Amino acid sequence: MKRLFFLLSTIIVIGLYAHGQTAVDRSVTDDDNVQLQLISPNQPEEETEQEIKEREKKLREFNDDVAHAKASNSMRRGYFVLVADNVQIGNMGYRHYDISSNSNFILVQDEDGIAQFALNTGSPGPNGLGGWTGKGKVRNKKIKYADNGDVFMQFQLVGSHVNADVSITLFGNSNRAVARITGGVPITYNGSILPYRDSKHR
């Protein structure tokens, strides 16, 4: 009796397996109507001229915000350079645009600072270009933040050939800035603040 029950059970299992195998085989035969659909993203609609202007405006605003955040953070950390694209000598002096940013800058590296301007006039000067270079220590540094995003910094630059007050204003939503050095003939720098960390001060 037990042998008969075992034999019937074995036959049923084999039959179910064969049916299942047949079902699997049938599921991949060429007779089945299997369709694959590749879905690609919709192509963007053609932008109007106004939409292009709005998109480019938002991109500029985003880039300006990023540049401002980097400049503000570099001022807070005390490692930055203001590279000037124009300078003004004196209170009512002529603004000079024909200058090199590489030689007209204010550099702050923690407690060390350099302020320099060089006019491409060919006239002699301390730096050979007709200008001035002051290198010294940054003292009494103060920084304030306005509600509109402007950042104000003041410090003294003190060295063997310089004793000057420096005030810098970083304008909100950009890295544009204006700096004024007093203590002798006033010099005004207009330019951009960039993060900068000299390898000698790491």
C-alpha atoms as a PDB file:
ATOM      1  CA  MET A   1       0.000   0.000   0.000  1.00  0.00           C
ATOM      2  CA  LYS A   2       2.786   2.370   0.967  1.00  0.00           C
ATOM      3  CA  ARG A   3       4.683   1.478  -2.176  1.00  0.00           C
ATOM      4  CA  LEU A   4       1.589   2.265  -4.278  1.00  0.00           C
ATOM      5  CA  PHE A   5       1.109   5.651  -2.549  1.00  0.00           C
ATOM      6  CA  PHE A   6       4.746   6.535  -3.085  1.00  0.00           C
ATOM      7  CA  LEU A   7       4.535   5.552  -6.764  1.00  0.00           C
ATOM      8  CA  LEU A   8       1.415   7.677  -7.341  1.00  0.00           C
ATOM      9  CA  SER A   9       3.010  10.660  -5.590  1.00  0.00           C
ATOM     10  CA  THR A  10       6.107  10.362  -7.747  1.00  0.00           C
ATOM     11  CA  ILE A  11       4.030  10.266 -10.932  1.00  0.00           C
ATOM     12  CA  ILE A  12       2.076  13.395  -9.864  1.00  0.00           C
ATOM     13  CA  VAL A  13       5.261  15.343  -9.062  1.00  0.00           C
ATOM     14  CA  ILE A  14       6.844  14.391 -12.361  1.00  0.00           C
ATOM     15  CA  GLY A  15       3.691  15.433 -14.186  1.00  0.00           C
ATOM     16  CA  LEU A  16       3.589  18.829 -12.456  1.00  0.00           C
ATOM     17  CA  TYR A  17       7.269  19.449 -13.211  1.00  0.00           C
ATOM     18  CA  ALA A  18       6.758  18.543 -16.869  1.00  0.00           C
ATOM     19  CA  HIS A  19       3.772  20.902 -17.066  1.00  0.00           C
ATOM     20  CA  GLY A  20       5.722  23.666 -15.439  1.00  0.00           C
ATOM     21  CA  GLN A  21       8.696  23.107 -17.723  1.00  0.00           C
ATOM     22  CA  THR A  22       6.387  23.181 -20.726  1.00  0.00           C
ATOM     23  CA  ALA A  23       4.881  26.432 -19.490  1.00  0.00           C
ATOM     24  CA  VAL A  24       8.339  27.949 -19.118  1.00  0.00           C
ATOM     25  CA  ASP A  25       9.351  26.775 -22.574  1.00  0.00           C
ATOM     26  CA  ARG A  26       6.182  28.174 -24.097  1.00  0.00           C
ATOM     27  CA  SER A  27       6.732  31.534 -22.475  1.00  0.00           C
ATOM     28  CA  VAL A  28       9.808  32.179 -24.612  1.00  0.00           C
ATOM     29  CA  THR A  29       8.728  30.724 -27.925  1.00  0.00           C
ATOM     30  CA  ASP A  30       8.525  32.855 -31.043  1.00  0.00           C
ATOM     31  CA  ASP A  31       4.788  32.231 -31.169  1.00  0.00           C
ATOM     32  CA  ASP A  32       4.151  34.527 -28.198  1.00  0.00           C
ATOM     33  CA  ASN A  33       3.374  38.172 -28.911  1.00  0.00           C
ATOM     34  CA  VAL A  34       6.142  39.782 -26.823  1.00  0.00           C
ATOM     35  CA  GLN A  35       6.813  43.496 -27.426  1.00  0.00           C
ATOM     36  CA  LEU A  36       9.502  45.657 -25.897  1.00  0.00           C
ATOM     37  CA  GLN A  37       9.020  49.407 -25.757  1.00  0.00           C
ATOM     38  CA  LEU A  38      11.988  51.710 -25.311  1.00  0.00           C
ATOM     39  CA  ILE A  39      10.991  54.910 -23.548  1.00  0.00           C
ATOM     40  CA  SER A  40      13.089  57.988 -24.245  1.00  0.00           C
ATOM     41  CA  PRO A  41      12.688  61.327 -22.472  1.00  0.00           C
ATOM     42  CA  ASN A  42      10.511  63.878 -24.128  1.00  0.00           C
ATOM     43  CA  GLN A  43      12.365  66.371 -26.232  1.00  0.00           C
ATOM     44  CA  PRO A  44      12.222  69.851 -24.710  1.00  0.00           C
ATOM     45  CA  GLU A  45       9.832  72.148 -26.405  1.00  0.00           C
ATOM     46  CA  GLU A  46      11.368  74.928 -28.438  1.00  0.00           C
ATOM     47  CA  GLU A  47      12.056  77.886 -26.153  1.00  0.00           C
ATOM     48  CA  THR A  48      10.852  81.339 -26.937  1.00  0.00           C
ATOM     49  CA  GLU A  49      13.287  84.236 -26.954  1.00  0.00           C
ATOM     50  CA  GLN A  50      11.840  85.433 -23.643  1.00  0.00           C
ATOM     51  CA  GLU A  51      12.252  82.003 -22.058  1.00  0.00           C
ATOM     52  CA  ILE A  52      15.883  81.864 -23.209  1.00  0.00           C
ATOM     53  CA  LYS A  53      16.526  85.274 -21.640  1.00  0.00           C
ATOM     54  CA  GLU A  54      14.903  84.195 -18.379  1.00  0.00           C
ATOM     55  CA  ARG A  55      16.932  80.976 -18.252  1.00  0.00           C
ATOM     56  CA  GLU A  56      20.199  82.817 -18.950  1.00  0.00           C
ATOM     57  CA  LYS A  57      19.323  85.433 -16.324  1.00  0.00           C
ATOM     58  CA  LYS A  58      18.733  82.745 -13.687  1.00  0.00           C
ATOM     59  CA  LEU A  59      22.031  81.101 -14.619  1.00  0.00           C
ATOM     60  CA  ARG A  60      23.893  84.411 -14.228  1.00  0.00           C
ATOM     61  CA  GLU A  61      22.237  85.031 -10.881  1.00  0.00           C
ATOM     62  CA  PHE A  62      23.189  81.549  -9.703  1.00  0.00           C
ATOM     63  CA  ASN A  63      26.821  82.036 -10.775  1.00  0.00           C
ATOM     64  CA  ASP A  64      26.907  85.441  -9.087  1.00  0.00           C
ATOM     65  CA  ASP A  65      25.575  83.945  -5.855  1.00  0.00           C
ATOM     66  CA  VAL A  66      28.244  81.222  -5.942  1.00  0.00           C
ATOM     67  CA  ALA A  67      30.999  83.769  -6.608  1.00  0.00           C
ATOM     68  CA  HIS A  68      29.742  85.952  -3.754  1.00  0.00           C
ATOM     69  CA  ALA A  69      29.638  83.020  -1.329  1.00  0.00           C
ATOM     70  CA  LYS A  70      33.216  82.045  -2.210  1.00  0.00           C
ATOM     71  CA  ALA A  71      34.448  85.636  -1.868  1.00  0.00           C
ATOM     72  CA  SER A  72      32.640  86.198   1.435  1.00  0.00           C
ATOM     73  CA  ASN A  73      33.923  82.938   2.872  1.00  0.00           C
ATOM     74  CA  SER A  74      37.496  83.717   1.807  1.00  0.00           C
ATOM     75  CA  MET A  75      37.304  87.103   3.541  1.00  0.00           C
ATOM     76  CA  ARG A  76      35.996  85.476   6.699  1.00  0.00           C
ATOM     77  CA  ARG A  77      38.852  82.940   6.637  1.00  0.00           C
ATOM     78  CA  GLY A  78      41.375  85.664   5.875  1.00  0.00           C
ATOM     79  CA  TYR A  79      42.839  84.208   2.680  1.00  0.00           C
ATOM     80  CA  PHE A  80      41.880  86.199  -0.402  1.00  0.00           C
ATOM     81  CA  VAL A  81      43.046  88.598  -3.081  1.00  0.00           C
ATOM     82  CA  LEU A  82      41.281  91.601  -4.547  1.00  0.00           C
ATOM     83  CA  VAL A  83      42.416  91.897  -8.157  1.00  0.00           C
ATOM     84  CA  ALA A  84      41.754  95.356  -9.551  1.00  0.00           C
ATOM     85  CA  ASP A  85      40.647  96.183 -13.066  1.00  0.00           C
ATOM     86  CA  ASN A  86      40.902  99.916 -12.368  1.00  0.00           C
ATOM     87  CA  VAL A  87      42.397 102.167  -9.705  1.00  0.00           C
ATOM     88  CA  GLN A  88      41.952 105.779  -8.689  1.00  0.00           C
ATOM     89  CA  ILE A  89      44.716 107.861  -7.153  1.00  0.00           C
ATOM     90  CA  GLY A  90      43.616 110.617  -4.768  1.00  0.00           C
ATOM     91  CA  ASN A  91      40.130 111.735  -3.781  1.00  0.00           C
ATOM     92  CA  MET A  92      39.254 113.265  -7.135  1.00  0.00           C
ATOM     93  CA  GLY A  93      41.903 111.592  -9.235  1.00  0.00           C
ATOM     94  CA  TYR A  94      41.575 110.167 -12.702  1.00  0.00           C
ATOM     95  CA  ARG A  95      40.541 106.524 -12.773  1.00  0.00           C
ATOM     96  CA  HIS A  96      43.096 104.342 -14.537  1.00  0.00           C
ATOM     97  CA  TYR A  97      41.703 101.428 -16.559  1.00  0.00           C
ATOM     98  CA  ASP A  98      44.813 100.509 -18.517  1.00  0.00           C
ATOM     99  CA  ILE A  99      46.317  98.402 -15.753  1.00  0.00           C
ATOM    100  CA  SER A 100      47.318  94.795 -15.168  1.00  0.00           C
ATOM    101  CA  SER A 101      45.394  92.789 -12.571  1.00  0.00           C
ATOM    102  CA  ASN A 102      48.581  90.823 -11.855  1.00  0.00           C
ATOM    103  CA  SER A 103      50.293  93.946 -10.482  1.00  0.00           C
ATOM    104  CA  ASN A 104      47.308  95.812  -8.990  1.00  0.00           C
ATOM    105  CA  PHE A 105      45.904  93.955  -6.024  1.00  0.00           C
ATOM    106  CA  ILE A 106      45.357  93.680  -2.289  1.00  0.00           C
ATOM    107  CA  LEU A 107      46.438  90.321  -0.895  1.00  0.00           C
ATOM    108  CA  VAL A 108      45.565  89.048   2.591  1.00  0.00           C
ATOM    109  CA  GLN A 109      47.049  85.806   3.906  1.00  0.00           C
ATOM    110  CA  ASP A 110      45.937  85.562   7.515  1.00  0.00           C
ATOM    111  CA  GLU A 111      48.211  88.057   9.328  1.00  0.00           C
ATOM    112  CA  ASP A 112      50.276  88.972   6.253  1.00  0.00           C
ATOM    113  CA  GLY A 113      49.192  91.502   3.668  1.00  0.00           C
ATOM    114  CA  ILE A 114      50.394  93.186   0.493  1.00  0.00           C
ATOM    115  CA  ALA A 115      48.879  96.163  -1.298  1.00  0.00           C
ATOM    116  CA  GLN A 116      50.242  97.186  -4.672  1.00  0.00           C
ATOM    117  CA  PHE A 117      49.394  99.332  -7.632  1.00  0.00           C
ATOM    118  CA  ALA A 118      51.438  99.762 -10.781  1.00  0.00           C
ATOM    119  CA  LEU A 119      50.597 102.114 -13.613  1.00  0.00           C
ATOM    120  CA  ASN A 120      51.792 101.261 -17.079  1.00  0.00           C
ATOM    121  CA  THR A 121      52.981 104.797 -17.725  1.00  0.00           C
ATOM    122  CA  GLY A 122      56.706 104.181 -18.079  1.00  0.00           C
ATOM    123  CA  SER A 123      57.490 106.646 -15.307  1.00  0.00           C
ATOM    124  CA  PRO A 124      59.942 105.512 -12.625  1.00  0.00           C
ATOM    125  CA  GLY A 125      58.722 104.376  -9.229  1.00  0.00           C
ATOM    126  CA  PRO A 126      59.584 102.091  -6.310  1.00  0.00           C
ATOM    127  CA  ASN A 127      58.509  99.035  -8.288  1.00  0.00           C
ATOM    128  CA  GLY A 128      59.950 100.236 -11.588  1.00  0.00           C
ATOM    129  CA  LEU A 129      56.546 100.846 -13.188  1.00  0.00           C
ATOM    130  CA  GLY A 130      55.389 104.035 -11.550  1.00  0.00           C
ATOM    131  CA  GLY A 131      53.450 102.861  -8.512  1.00  0.00           C
ATOM    132  CA  TRP A 132      53.701 101.652  -4.970  1.00  0.00           C
ATOM    133  CA  THR A 133      54.021  98.403  -3.009  1.00  0.00           C
ATOM    134  CA  GLY A 134      53.257  98.063   0.688  1.00  0.00           C
ATOM    135  CA  LYS A 135      53.984  94.829   2.531  1.00  0.00           C
ATOM    136  CA  GLY A 136      53.275  94.294   6.212  1.00  0.00           C
ATOM    137  CA  LYS A 137      51.145  92.738   8.912  1.00  0.00           C
ATOM    138  CA  VAL A 138      47.353  92.785   9.049  1.00  0.00           C
ATOM    139  CA  ARG A 139      46.251  94.322  12.351  1.00  0.00           C
ATOM    140  CA  ASN A 140      42.883  95.046  14.014  1.00  0.00           C
ATOM    141  CA  LYS A 141      40.855  93.252  11.372  1.00  0.00           C
ATOM    142  CA  LYS A 142      37.087  93.708  11.607  1.00  0.00           C
ATOM    143  CA  ILE A 143      34.348  92.287   9.418  1.00  0.00           C
ATOM    144  CA  LYS A 144      30.636  93.098   9.270  1.00  0.00           C
ATOM    145  CA  TYR A 145      27.722  91.741   7.251  1.00  0.00           C
ATOM    146  CA  ALA A 146      24.792  93.804   5.978  1.00  0.00           C
ATOM    147  CA  ASP A 147      21.250  92.571   5.430  1.00  0.00           C
ATOM    148  CA  ASN A 148      21.546  93.153   1.679  1.00  0.00           C
ATOM    149  CA  GLY A 149      24.537  90.793   1.446  1.00  0.00           C
ATOM    150  CA  ASP A 150      27.302  93.399   1.451  1.00  0.00           C
ATOM    151  CA  VAL A 151      30.406  92.479   3.447  1.00  0.00           C
ATOM    152  CA  PHE A 152      32.594  95.163   5.038  1.00  0.00           C
ATOM    153  CA  MET A 153      36.160  94.609   6.183  1.00  0.00           C
ATOM    154  CA  GLN A 154      38.586  97.006   7.823  1.00  0.00           C
ATOM    155  CA  PHE A 155      42.170  96.476   8.931  1.00  0.00           C
ATOM    156  CA  GLN A 156      45.513  98.176   9.272  1.00  0.00           C
ATOM    157  CA  LEU A 157      48.468  97.225   7.122  1.00  0.00           C
ATOM    158  CA  VAL A 158      51.626  97.897   9.122  1.00  0.00           C
ATOM    159  CA  GLY A 159      55.180  97.349   7.909  1.00  0.00           C
ATOM    160  CA  SER A 160      58.573  98.969   7.528  1.00  0.00           C
ATOM    161  CA  HIS A 161      57.397 100.955   4.477  1.00  0.00           C
ATOM    162  CA  VAL A 162      53.658 101.080   5.064  1.00  0.00           C
ATOM    163  CA  ASN A 163      51.223 102.222   7.738  1.00  0.00           C
ATOM    164  CA  ALA A 164      47.818 102.383   6.130  1.00  0.00           C
ATOM    165  CA  ASP A 165      44.141 101.834   6.835  1.00  0.00           C
ATOM    166  CA  VAL A 166      42.354  99.503   4.423  1.00  0.00           C
ATOM    167  CA  SER A 167      38.592  99.279   3.983  1.00  0.00           C
ATOM    168  CA  ILE A 168      36.980  96.777   1.619  1.00  0.00           C
ATOM    169  CA  THR A 169      33.344  96.449   0.571  1.00  0.00           C
ATOM    170  CA  LEU A 170      32.210  93.244  -1.112  1.00  0.00           C
ATOM    171  CA  PHE A 171      28.889  93.878  -2.822  1.00  0.00           C
ATOM    172  CA  GLY A 172      26.000  91.479  -2.327  1.00  0.00           C
ATOM    173  CA  ASN A 173      25.212  88.816  -4.936  1.00  0.00           C
ATOM    174  CA  SER A 174      28.580  89.130  -6.709  1.00  0.00           C
ATOM    175  CA  ASN A 175      32.304  89.024  -6.082  1.00  0.00           C
ATOM    176  CA  ARG A 176      32.743  92.651  -7.135  1.00  0.00           C
ATOM    177  CA  ALA A 177      34.361  94.853  -4.526  1.00  0.00           C
ATOM    178  CA  VAL A 178      35.829  98.280  -3.888  1.00  0.00           C
ATOM    179  CA  ALA A 179      38.756  98.908  -1.543  1.00  0.00           C
ATOM    180  CA  ARG A 180      40.233 102.142  -0.268  1.00  0.00           C
ATOM    181  CA  ILE A 181      43.675 102.610   1.235  1.00  0.00           C
ATOM    182  CA  THR A 182      44.383 105.728   3.276  1.00  0.00           C
ATOM    183  CA  GLY A 183      47.347 106.871   5.299  1.00  0.00           C
ATOM    184  CA  GLY A 184      49.036 108.723   2.489  1.00  0.00           C
ATOM    185  CA  VAL A 185      47.667 109.519  -0.927  1.00  0.00           C
ATOM    186  CA  PRO A 186      44.327 107.670  -1.029  1.00  0.00           C
ATOM    187  CA  ILE A 187      44.111 104.792  -3.491  1.00  0.00           C
ATOM    188  CA  THR A 188      40.821 103.211  -4.542  1.00  0.00           C
ATOM    189  CA  TYR A 189      40.739  99.733  -6.085  1.00  0.00           C
ATOM    190  CA  ASN A 190      37.762  98.432  -8.068  1.00  0.00           C
ATOM    191  CA  GLY A 191      37.815  94.758  -8.919  1.00  0.00           C
ATOM    192  CA  SER A 192      36.893  91.240  -7.851  1.00  0.00           C
ATOM    193  CA  ILE A 193      37.631  89.236  -4.715  1.00  0.00           C
ATOM    194  CA  LEU A 194      38.888  85.699  -5.283  1.00  0.00           C
ATOM    195  CA  PRO A 195      39.820  82.969  -2.806  1.00  0.00           C
ATOM    196  CA  TYR A 196      43.595  82.646  -2.741  1.00  0.00           C
ATOM    197  CA  ARG A 197      45.935  80.761  -0.452  1.00  0.00           C
ATOM    198  CA  ASP A 198      49.643  81.161  -1.120  1.00  0.00           C
ATOM    199  CA  SER A 199      51.676  77.969  -0.617  1.00  0.00           C
ATOM    200  CA  LYS A 200      53.985  79.859   1.758  1.00  0.00           C
ATOM    201  CA  HIS A 201      51.081  80.426   4.127  1.00  0.00           C
ATOM    202  CA  ARG A 202      49.485  76.954   4.136  1.00  0.00           C
END
